[in-house]
């Protein structure tokens, strides 16, 4: 018998669209349930996240994890990174 608590939640809010927020969104979409998902992000772009943002992280600590540790959603992080213009990648 399904839990009434689980069945009652059809609206989901994801605060932050960095890697964790995007993985959460991806997981929810893969479940195939009808949900209303609202994303909240202070930055102008989704996917950046604090480990990759010069506004919230010291230059020496930017991207302090290897790209191989980030599983691809649509494409591998390294492939996406290679497509970015130099101006976007400047600290």
N, C-alpha and C. Protein backbone atom coordinates (compact mmCIF):
# COMPACT_ATOMS: atom_id res chain seq x y z
N UNK A 1 0.84 -1.18 0.00
CA UNK A 1 0.00 0.00 0.00
C UNK A 1 0.89 1.24 0.00
N UNK A 2 0.69 2.18 -0.96
CA UNK A 2 1.53 3.37 -1.02
C UNK A 2 1.33 4.26 0.21
N UNK A 3 2.39 4.90 0.60
CA UNK A 3 2.34 5.82 1.73
C UNK A 3 1.55 7.06 1.35
N UNK A 4 0.65 7.49 2.22
CA UNK A 4 -0.12 8.71 1.96
C UNK A 4 0.79 9.93 1.93
N UNK A 5 1.84 9.90 2.73
CA UNK A 5 2.78 11.02 2.76
C UNK A 5 3.47 11.18 1.42
N UNK A 6 3.96 10.08 0.85
CA UNK A 6 4.64 10.14 -0.45
C UNK A 6 3.67 10.56 -1.53
N UNK A 7 2.46 10.01 -1.52
CA UNK A 7 1.48 10.32 -2.55
C UNK A 7 1.04 11.78 -2.51
N UNK A 8 1.10 12.41 -1.35
CA UNK A 8 0.62 13.78 -1.21
C UNK A 8 1.56 14.81 -1.84
N UNK A 9 2.83 14.49 -1.99
CA UNK A 9 3.79 15.47 -2.48
C UNK A 9 3.90 15.39 -4.00
N UNK A 10 3.35 16.42 -4.67
CA UNK A 10 3.43 16.50 -6.13
C UNK A 10 4.15 17.76 -6.57
N UNK A 11 4.39 18.66 -5.64
CA UNK A 11 5.11 19.90 -5.91
C UNK A 11 6.47 19.81 -5.24
N UNK A 12 7.52 20.04 -6.01
CA UNK A 12 8.87 19.94 -5.49
C UNK A 12 9.61 21.24 -5.80
N UNK A 13 10.34 21.75 -4.82
CA UNK A 13 11.21 22.91 -5.03
C UNK A 13 12.65 22.46 -4.85
N UNK A 14 13.50 22.86 -5.79
CA UNK A 14 14.93 22.59 -5.69
C UNK A 14 15.62 23.94 -5.55
N UNK A 15 16.30 24.13 -4.43
CA UNK A 15 16.99 25.39 -4.16
C UNK A 15 18.45 25.22 -4.55
N UNK A 16 18.84 25.92 -5.59
CA UNK A 16 20.20 25.83 -6.11
C UNK A 16 20.25 24.88 -7.30
N UNK A 17 20.81 25.36 -8.40
CA UNK A 17 20.90 24.53 -9.60
C UNK A 17 22.35 24.24 -9.96
N UNK A 18 23.16 24.06 -8.92
CA UNK A 18 24.52 23.57 -9.13
C UNK A 18 24.44 22.07 -9.40
N UNK A 19 25.56 21.39 -9.39
CA UNK A 19 25.56 19.96 -9.69
C UNK A 19 24.58 19.15 -8.85
N UNK A 20 24.51 19.39 -7.55
CA UNK A 20 23.59 18.62 -6.71
C UNK A 20 22.14 18.87 -7.08
N UNK A 21 21.79 20.13 -7.32
CA UNK A 21 20.43 20.45 -7.73
C UNK A 21 20.06 19.81 -9.06
N UNK A 22 20.99 19.82 -10.02
CA UNK A 22 20.72 19.22 -11.32
C UNK A 22 20.62 17.70 -11.23
N UNK A 23 21.44 17.07 -10.40
CA UNK A 23 21.32 15.62 -10.21
C UNK A 23 19.98 15.29 -9.55
N UNK A 24 19.54 16.12 -8.63
CA UNK A 24 18.24 15.90 -8.00
C UNK A 24 17.13 16.01 -9.04
N UNK A 25 17.17 17.05 -9.87
CA UNK A 25 16.18 17.21 -10.93
C UNK A 25 16.20 16.02 -11.88
N UNK A 26 17.38 15.60 -12.29
CA UNK A 26 17.51 14.46 -13.20
C UNK A 26 16.88 13.20 -12.59
N UNK A 27 17.17 12.95 -11.33
CA UNK A 27 16.62 11.78 -10.64
C UNK A 27 15.09 11.84 -10.60
N UNK A 28 14.55 13.01 -10.28
CA UNK A 28 13.10 13.15 -10.22
C UNK A 28 12.47 12.91 -11.59
N UNK A 29 13.07 13.43 -12.64
CA UNK A 29 12.53 13.24 -13.99
C UNK A 29 12.60 11.78 -14.42
N UNK A 30 13.65 11.07 -14.01
CA UNK A 30 13.81 9.67 -14.38
C UNK A 30 12.75 8.78 -13.73
N UNK A 31 12.17 9.22 -12.64
CA UNK A 31 11.16 8.42 -11.94
C UNK A 31 9.86 8.36 -12.73
N UNK A 32 9.63 9.31 -13.62
CA UNK A 32 8.45 9.27 -14.47
C UNK A 32 7.15 9.69 -13.80
N UNK A 33 7.22 10.25 -12.62
CA UNK A 33 6.01 10.70 -11.94
C UNK A 33 5.63 12.10 -12.41
N UNK A 34 4.35 12.40 -12.34
CA UNK A 34 3.90 13.75 -12.69
C UNK A 34 4.17 14.65 -11.49
N UNK A 35 5.09 15.57 -11.67
CA UNK A 35 5.48 16.49 -10.61
C UNK A 35 5.53 17.91 -11.16
N UNK A 36 5.30 18.85 -10.30
CA UNK A 36 5.58 20.24 -10.60
C UNK A 36 6.88 20.58 -9.89
N UNK A 37 7.91 20.89 -10.66
CA UNK A 37 9.22 21.18 -10.08
C UNK A 37 9.53 22.65 -10.31
N UNK A 38 9.86 23.34 -9.23
CA UNK A 38 10.27 24.74 -9.30
C UNK A 38 11.73 24.83 -8.90
N UNK A 39 12.53 25.46 -9.76
CA UNK A 39 13.96 25.63 -9.49
C UNK A 39 14.22 27.05 -9.02
N UNK A 40 15.02 27.19 -7.97
CA UNK A 40 15.42 28.50 -7.47
C UNK A 40 16.94 28.61 -7.59
N UNK A 41 17.39 29.66 -8.26
CA UNK A 41 18.82 29.85 -8.45
C UNK A 41 19.14 31.34 -8.42
N UNK A 42 20.08 31.74 -7.60
CA UNK A 42 20.47 33.15 -7.52
C UNK A 42 21.39 33.56 -8.66
N UNK A 43 22.16 32.62 -9.18
CA UNK A 43 23.12 32.92 -10.26
C UNK A 43 22.39 33.03 -11.60
N UNK A 44 23.01 33.69 -12.58
CA UNK A 44 22.37 33.83 -13.89
C UNK A 44 22.35 32.53 -14.71
N UNK A 45 23.19 31.56 -14.35
CA UNK A 45 23.26 30.30 -15.09
C UNK A 45 23.06 29.11 -14.17
N UNK A 46 22.39 28.10 -14.69
CA UNK A 46 22.25 26.85 -13.94
C UNK A 46 23.50 26.01 -14.15
N UNK A 47 23.80 25.14 -13.19
CA UNK A 47 24.88 24.19 -13.34
C UNK A 47 26.22 24.62 -12.81
N UNK A 48 26.37 25.88 -12.49
CA UNK A 48 27.68 26.36 -12.05
C UNK A 48 27.97 25.88 -10.64
N UNK A 49 27.15 26.21 -9.69
CA UNK A 49 27.35 25.79 -8.32
C UNK A 49 28.52 26.49 -7.65
N UNK A 50 28.51 26.52 -6.34
CA UNK A 50 29.54 27.26 -5.61
C UNK A 50 30.96 26.77 -5.82
N UNK A 51 31.22 25.47 -6.06
CA UNK A 51 32.61 25.08 -6.29
C UNK A 51 33.18 25.64 -7.60
N UNK A 52 32.32 26.16 -8.46
CA UNK A 52 32.75 26.62 -9.77
C UNK A 52 32.53 28.12 -9.97
N UNK A 53 32.12 28.81 -8.93
CA UNK A 53 31.77 30.22 -9.05
C UNK A 53 32.81 31.12 -8.38
N UNK A 54 33.41 32.04 -9.13
CA UNK A 54 34.39 32.94 -8.52
C UNK A 54 33.76 33.90 -7.51
N UNK A 55 32.44 34.08 -7.56
CA UNK A 55 31.77 34.97 -6.60
C UNK A 55 31.72 34.36 -5.20
N UNK A 56 31.74 33.04 -5.10
CA UNK A 56 31.57 32.39 -3.80
C UNK A 56 32.77 31.55 -3.37
N UNK A 57 33.76 31.43 -4.24
CA UNK A 57 34.88 30.54 -3.95
C UNK A 57 36.20 31.23 -4.29
N UNK A 58 37.21 31.03 -3.47
CA UNK A 58 38.53 31.59 -3.76
C UNK A 58 39.08 30.94 -5.03
N UNK A 59 39.84 31.70 -5.79
CA UNK A 59 40.38 31.20 -7.06
C UNK A 59 41.16 29.91 -6.88
N UNK A 60 41.88 29.78 -5.79
CA UNK A 60 42.68 28.56 -5.57
C UNK A 60 41.82 27.34 -5.29
N UNK A 61 40.54 27.54 -4.99
CA UNK A 61 39.67 26.43 -4.65
C UNK A 61 38.63 26.12 -5.72
N UNK A 62 38.61 26.89 -6.81
CA UNK A 62 37.62 26.64 -7.86
C UNK A 62 37.74 25.23 -8.40
N UNK A 63 36.61 24.59 -8.61
CA UNK A 63 36.56 23.22 -9.14
C UNK A 63 37.54 22.32 -8.39
N UNK A 64 37.35 22.24 -7.09
CA UNK A 64 38.29 21.49 -6.26
C UNK A 64 38.06 19.99 -6.29
N UNK A 65 37.24 19.52 -7.22
CA UNK A 65 37.09 18.08 -7.43
C UNK A 65 37.37 17.79 -8.89
N UNK A 66 37.80 16.60 -9.16
CA UNK A 66 38.11 16.22 -10.54
C UNK A 66 36.83 16.03 -11.34
N UNK A 67 36.87 16.38 -12.62
CA UNK A 67 35.68 16.25 -13.46
C UNK A 67 35.21 14.81 -13.55
N UNK A 68 36.10 13.86 -13.39
CA UNK A 68 35.71 12.45 -13.46
C UNK A 68 34.80 12.07 -12.29
N UNK A 69 34.82 12.86 -11.22
CA UNK A 69 33.96 12.60 -10.08
C UNK A 69 32.52 13.05 -10.32
N UNK A 70 32.30 13.84 -11.35
CA UNK A 70 30.96 14.33 -11.67
C UNK A 70 30.40 13.49 -12.80
N UNK A 71 29.42 12.68 -12.49
CA UNK A 71 28.83 11.82 -13.52
C UNK A 71 28.06 12.66 -14.53
N UNK A 72 28.13 12.32 -15.81
CA UNK A 72 27.44 13.10 -16.83
C UNK A 72 25.93 12.93 -16.76
N UNK A 73 25.20 14.01 -17.00
CA UNK A 73 23.75 13.94 -17.16
C UNK A 73 23.45 13.84 -18.64
N UNK A 74 23.82 14.86 -19.38
CA UNK A 74 23.64 14.85 -20.82
C UNK A 74 24.96 14.71 -21.54
N UNK A 75 25.99 15.26 -20.94
CA UNK A 75 27.34 15.14 -21.48
C UNK A 75 28.32 15.22 -20.32
N UNK A 76 29.48 14.70 -20.53
CA UNK A 76 30.50 14.72 -19.49
C UNK A 76 30.92 16.16 -19.20
N UNK A 77 31.24 16.43 -17.96
CA UNK A 77 31.65 17.78 -17.56
C UNK A 77 32.85 18.26 -18.39
N UNK A 78 33.81 17.40 -18.62
CA UNK A 78 35.00 17.79 -19.37
C UNK A 78 34.64 18.19 -20.80
N UNK A 79 33.71 17.47 -21.43
CA UNK A 79 33.27 17.83 -22.79
C UNK A 79 32.59 19.20 -22.80
N UNK A 80 31.73 19.44 -21.80
CA UNK A 80 31.06 20.73 -21.69
C UNK A 80 32.10 21.84 -21.49
N UNK A 81 33.05 21.58 -20.61
CA UNK A 81 34.08 22.57 -20.29
C UNK A 81 34.88 22.95 -21.54
N UNK A 82 35.20 21.99 -22.37
CA UNK A 82 35.98 22.25 -23.59
C UNK A 82 35.23 23.15 -24.56
N UNK A 83 33.91 23.14 -24.52
CA UNK A 83 33.11 23.96 -25.43
C UNK A 83 32.92 25.40 -24.96
N UNK A 84 33.34 25.72 -23.75
CA UNK A 84 33.10 27.05 -23.20
C UNK A 84 34.12 28.05 -23.74
N UNK A 85 33.67 29.28 -23.99
CA UNK A 85 34.60 30.31 -24.47
C UNK A 85 35.58 30.70 -23.36
N UNK A 86 36.76 31.13 -23.77
CA UNK A 86 37.79 31.52 -22.80
C UNK A 86 37.30 32.58 -21.83
N UNK A 87 36.50 33.53 -22.32
CA UNK A 87 36.02 34.61 -21.45
C UNK A 87 35.19 34.08 -20.29
N UNK A 88 34.45 33.02 -20.52
CA UNK A 88 33.63 32.46 -19.44
C UNK A 88 34.49 31.75 -18.40
N UNK A 89 35.63 31.25 -18.81
CA UNK A 89 36.48 30.46 -17.92
C UNK A 89 37.49 31.30 -17.16
N UNK A 90 37.53 32.60 -17.41
CA UNK A 90 38.47 33.47 -16.71
C UNK A 90 38.00 33.73 -15.29
N UNK A 91 38.92 33.74 -14.36
CA UNK A 91 38.59 34.03 -12.95
C UNK A 91 38.81 35.49 -12.69
